Amino acid sequence: MGDGEEIEKKPTAAREALARNLMVLIQPHLDMGMSLKQAQLMIEKATGVSYKTVERMLNPNAPTGPSLESIDLVAGFFRLQAWQLLRQPSHKPPLLAGYERQAQEGSVRTPGKTKKVRKRTL
C-alpha cells in the first residue's frame, strides 16, 4: 500500500444493523415524499445529532462510526433505545415493527406533530 491509500473498512454487524434499522425507521418519511436528505435534516433538528453523523449511521462502510450517545439520541427520536437500533433482526425486529405499524396505520412521528401517511395503491 502506498501513501494516501485508505484501507476499505469492513462493516461490523452492529453498523450494518444500525444502517438497516435506521432506514426502516426513515422509510415512512420517504414514503410521505421527503427526500433522504430532508429526513436526515429533520433528525438533526430534533436531536442535535449532525446531518453528517446521521449520514454515517446509514452507511456501514463509513470510515468512522457514530458515538453511542449519537445513536441513543437518534433512537430516542423514534421512541426507541440505542440497543434496539443495533439489534440484528431475525426476520423483522418486533420493536421496529411497532414503528412500521404506526406508519401503516397512517401516523408517524415528526418533530412536534403527527402526520397522516397517504397510502399508495398500485
C-alpha atoms as a PDB file:
ATOM      1  CA  MET A   1       0.000   0.000   0.000  1.00  0.00           C
ATOM      2  CA  GLY A   2       1.249   3.420  -0.881  1.00  0.00           C
ATOM      3  CA  ASP A   3       0.840   6.696   0.927  1.00  0.00           C
ATOM      4  CA  GLY A   4      -2.630   8.155   0.824  1.00  0.00           C
ATOM      5  CA  GLU A   5      -4.372   4.828   0.214  1.00  0.00           C
ATOM      6  CA  GLU A   6      -7.252   4.115   2.530  1.00  0.00           C
ATOM      7  CA  ILE A   7      -7.937   0.639   3.749  1.00  0.00           C
ATOM      8  CA  GLU A   8     -11.502  -0.316   2.972  1.00  0.00           C
ATOM      9  CA  LYS A   9     -13.161  -0.914   6.277  1.00  0.00           C
ATOM     10  CA  LYS A  10     -15.348  -3.984   6.554  1.00  0.00           C
ATOM     11  CA  PRO A  11     -18.599  -3.059   8.301  1.00  0.00           C
ATOM     12  CA  THR A  12     -19.331  -4.648  11.646  1.00  0.00           C
ATOM     13  CA  ALA A  13     -22.578  -6.465  12.306  1.00  0.00           C
ATOM     14  CA  ALA A  14     -23.651  -3.650  14.636  1.00  0.00           C
ATOM     15  CA  ARG A  15     -23.051  -0.964  12.000  1.00  0.00           C
ATOM     16  CA  GLU A  16     -24.915  -2.992   9.375  1.00  0.00           C
ATOM     17  CA  ALA A  17     -27.836  -3.451  11.784  1.00  0.00           C
ATOM     18  CA  LEU A  18     -27.835   0.264  12.623  1.00  0.00           C
ATOM     19  CA  ALA A  19     -27.936   1.248   8.951  1.00  0.00           C
ATOM     20  CA  ARG A  20     -30.686  -1.251   8.130  1.00  0.00           C
ATOM     21  CA  ASN A  21     -32.826  -0.450  11.188  1.00  0.00           C
ATOM     22  CA  LEU A  22     -32.478   3.310  10.796  1.00  0.00           C
ATOM     23  CA  MET A  23     -33.509   3.066   7.147  1.00  0.00           C
ATOM     24  CA  VAL A  24     -36.599   1.079   8.194  1.00  0.00           C
ATOM     25  CA  LEU A  25     -37.492   3.938  10.539  1.00  0.00           C
ATOM     26  CA  ILE A  26     -36.831   6.647   7.951  1.00  0.00           C
ATOM     27  CA  GLN A  27     -38.738   4.873   5.158  1.00  0.00           C
ATOM     28  CA  PRO A  28     -42.232   6.098   6.187  1.00  0.00           C
ATOM     29  CA  HIS A  29     -40.952   9.679   5.901  1.00  0.00           C
ATOM     30  CA  LEU A  30     -39.609   8.931   2.431  1.00  0.00           C
ATOM     31  CA  ASP A  31     -42.974   7.408   1.534  1.00  0.00           C
ATOM     32  CA  MET A  32     -44.568  10.744   2.525  1.00  0.00           C
ATOM     33  CA  GLY A  33     -42.456  12.449  -0.129  1.00  0.00           C
ATOM     34  CA  MET A  34     -39.450  13.552   1.935  1.00  0.00           C
ATOM     35  CA  SER A  35     -36.027  13.160   0.405  1.00  0.00           C
ATOM     36  CA  LEU A  36     -33.413  11.233   2.363  1.00  0.00           C
ATOM     37  CA  LYS A  37     -31.543  14.488   2.987  1.00  0.00           C
ATOM     38  CA  GLN A  38     -34.717  16.143   4.335  1.00  0.00           C
ATOM     39  CA  ALA A  39     -35.250  13.194   6.679  1.00  0.00           C
ATOM     40  CA  GLN A  40     -31.648  13.426   7.883  1.00  0.00           C
ATOM     41  CA  LEU A  41     -32.022  17.171   8.462  1.00  0.00           C
ATOM     42  CA  MET A  42     -35.283  16.556  10.359  1.00  0.00           C
ATOM     43  CA  ILE A  43     -33.446  14.140  12.665  1.00  0.00           C
ATOM     44  CA  GLU A  44     -30.617  16.659  13.077  1.00  0.00           C
ATOM     45  CA  LYS A  45     -33.036  19.428  14.037  1.00  0.00           C
ATOM     46  CA  ALA A  46     -34.917  17.252  16.527  1.00  0.00           C
ATOM     47  CA  THR A  47     -31.899  15.590  18.179  1.00  0.00           C
ATOM     48  CA  GLY A  48     -28.897  17.861  17.717  1.00  0.00           C
ATOM     49  CA  VAL A  49     -27.045  14.974  16.016  1.00  0.00           C
ATOM     50  CA  SER A  50     -25.408  16.401  12.906  1.00  0.00           C
ATOM     51  CA  TYR A  51     -26.639  15.579   9.415  1.00  0.00           C
ATOM     52  CA  LYS A  52     -23.216  14.061   8.635  1.00  0.00           C
ATOM     53  CA  THR A  53     -23.421  11.760  11.662  1.00  0.00           C
ATOM     54  CA  VAL A  54     -26.875  10.568  10.613  1.00  0.00           C
ATOM     55  CA  GLU A  55     -25.446  10.010   7.133  1.00  0.00           C
ATOM     56  CA  ARG A  56     -22.644   7.889   8.649  1.00  0.00           C
ATOM     57  CA  MET A  57     -25.217   5.882  10.614  1.00  0.00           C
ATOM     58  CA  LEU A  58     -26.854   4.962   7.310  1.00  0.00           C
ATOM     59  CA  ASN A  59     -23.523   3.923   5.767  1.00  0.00           C
ATOM     60  CA  PRO A  60     -21.963   0.876   7.450  1.00  0.00           C
ATOM     61  CA  ASN A  61     -18.846   1.359   5.285  1.00  0.00           C
ATOM     62  CA  ALA A  62     -18.182   4.907   6.512  1.00  0.00           C
ATOM     63  CA  PRO A  63     -14.599   5.398   7.693  1.00  0.00           C
ATOM     64  CA  THR A  64     -15.786   6.367  11.185  1.00  0.00           C
ATOM     65  CA  GLY A  65     -18.850   5.294  13.079  1.00  0.00           C
ATOM     66  CA  PRO A  66     -21.221   7.280  15.265  1.00  0.00           C
ATOM     67  CA  SER A  67     -20.858   7.516  19.022  1.00  0.00           C
ATOM     68  CA  LEU A  68     -23.157   5.600  21.319  1.00  0.00           C
ATOM     69  CA  GLU A  69     -24.511   8.939  22.550  1.00  0.00           C
ATOM     70  CA  SER A  70     -25.480   9.903  18.980  1.00  0.00           C
ATOM     71  CA  ILE A  71     -27.146   6.533  18.428  1.00  0.00           C
ATOM     72  CA  ASP A  72     -29.047   6.955  21.698  1.00  0.00           C
ATOM     73  CA  LEU A  73     -30.295  10.435  20.704  1.00  0.00           C
ATOM     74  CA  VAL A  74     -31.486   9.249  17.290  1.00  0.00           C
ATOM     75  CA  ALA A  75     -33.121   6.172  18.833  1.00  0.00           C
ATOM     76  CA  GLY A  76     -34.936   8.469  21.288  1.00  0.00           C
ATOM     77  CA  PHE A  77     -36.365  10.457  18.377  1.00  0.00           C
ATOM     78  CA  PHE A  78     -38.052   7.246  17.223  1.00  0.00           C
ATOM     79  CA  ARG A  79     -39.081   6.406  20.821  1.00  0.00           C
ATOM     80  CA  LEU A  80     -36.555   3.580  20.994  1.00  0.00           C
ATOM     81  CA  GLN A  81     -33.365   2.841  22.901  1.00  0.00           C
ATOM     82  CA  ALA A  82     -29.914   2.603  21.335  1.00  0.00           C
ATOM     83  CA  TRP A  83     -29.696  -1.179  21.688  1.00  0.00           C
ATOM     84  CA  GLN A  84     -32.842  -1.531  19.603  1.00  0.00           C
ATOM     85  CA  LEU A  85     -31.163   0.173  16.631  1.00  0.00           C
ATOM     86  CA  LEU A  86     -28.088  -2.035  16.993  1.00  0.00           C
ATOM     87  CA  ARG A  87     -30.022  -5.293  17.175  1.00  0.00           C
ATOM     88  CA  GLN A  88     -29.615  -7.755  14.329  1.00  0.00           C
ATOM     89  CA  PRO A  89     -33.068  -8.675  13.052  1.00  0.00           C
ATOM     90  CA  SER A  90     -34.047 -12.312  12.841  1.00  0.00           C
ATOM     91  CA  HIS A  91     -36.928 -11.678  10.461  1.00  0.00           C
ATOM     92  CA  LYS A  92     -38.312  -8.327  11.475  1.00  0.00           C
ATOM     93  CA  PRO A  93     -37.330  -6.778  14.770  1.00  0.00           C
ATOM     94  CA  PRO A  94     -40.507  -6.649  16.871  1.00  0.00           C
ATOM     95  CA  LEU A  95     -39.504  -3.299  18.330  1.00  0.00           C
ATOM     96  CA  LEU A  96     -39.127  -1.724  14.907  1.00  0.00           C
ATOM     97  CA  ALA A  97     -42.233  -3.480  13.653  1.00  0.00           C
ATOM     98  CA  GLY A  98     -44.271  -1.344  16.069  1.00  0.00           C
ATOM     99  CA  TYR A  99     -42.979   1.797  14.429  1.00  0.00           C
ATOM    100  CA  GLU A 100     -43.730   0.381  10.996  1.00  0.00           C
ATOM    101  CA  ARG A 101     -47.235  -0.468  12.202  1.00  0.00           C
ATOM    102  CA  GLN A 102     -47.720   3.205  13.143  1.00  0.00           C
ATOM    103  CA  ALA A 103     -46.721   4.152   9.612  1.00  0.00           C
ATOM    104  CA  GLN A 104     -49.118   1.633   8.088  1.00  0.00           C
ATOM    105  CA  GLU A 105     -51.927   2.932  10.286  1.00  0.00           C
ATOM    106  CA  GLY A 106     -51.256   6.386   8.942  1.00  0.00           C
ATOM    107  CA  SER A 107     -49.273   8.187  11.616  1.00  0.00           C
ATOM    108  CA  VAL A 108     -45.550   8.586  12.057  1.00  0.00           C
ATOM    109  CA  ARG A 109     -43.727  10.951  14.350  1.00  0.00           C
ATOM    110  CA  THR A 110     -42.294  14.180  13.068  1.00  0.00           C
ATOM    111  CA  PRO A 111     -40.946  16.912  15.341  1.00  0.00           C
ATOM    112  CA  GLY A 112     -43.830  18.377  17.290  1.00  0.00           C
ATOM    113  CA  LYS A 113     -46.689  16.814  15.375  1.00  0.00           C
ATOM    114  CA  THR A 114     -48.133  13.676  13.841  1.00  0.00           C
ATOM    115  CA  LYS A 115     -48.667  13.404  10.114  1.00  0.00           C
ATOM    116  CA  LYS A 116     -51.056  11.188   8.250  1.00  0.00           C
ATOM    117  CA  VAL A 117     -49.465   8.998   5.612  1.00  0.00           C
ATOM    118  CA  ARG A 118     -51.338   8.678   2.360  1.00  0.00           C
ATOM    119  CA  LYS A 119     -51.386   5.041   1.331  1.00  0.00           C
ATOM    120  CA  ARG A 120     -50.374   4.291  -2.223  1.00  0.00           C
ATOM    121  CA  THR A 121     -52.129   1.705  -4.326  1.00  0.00           C
ATOM    122  CA  LEU A 122     -50.816   0.029  -7.418  1.00  0.00           C
END
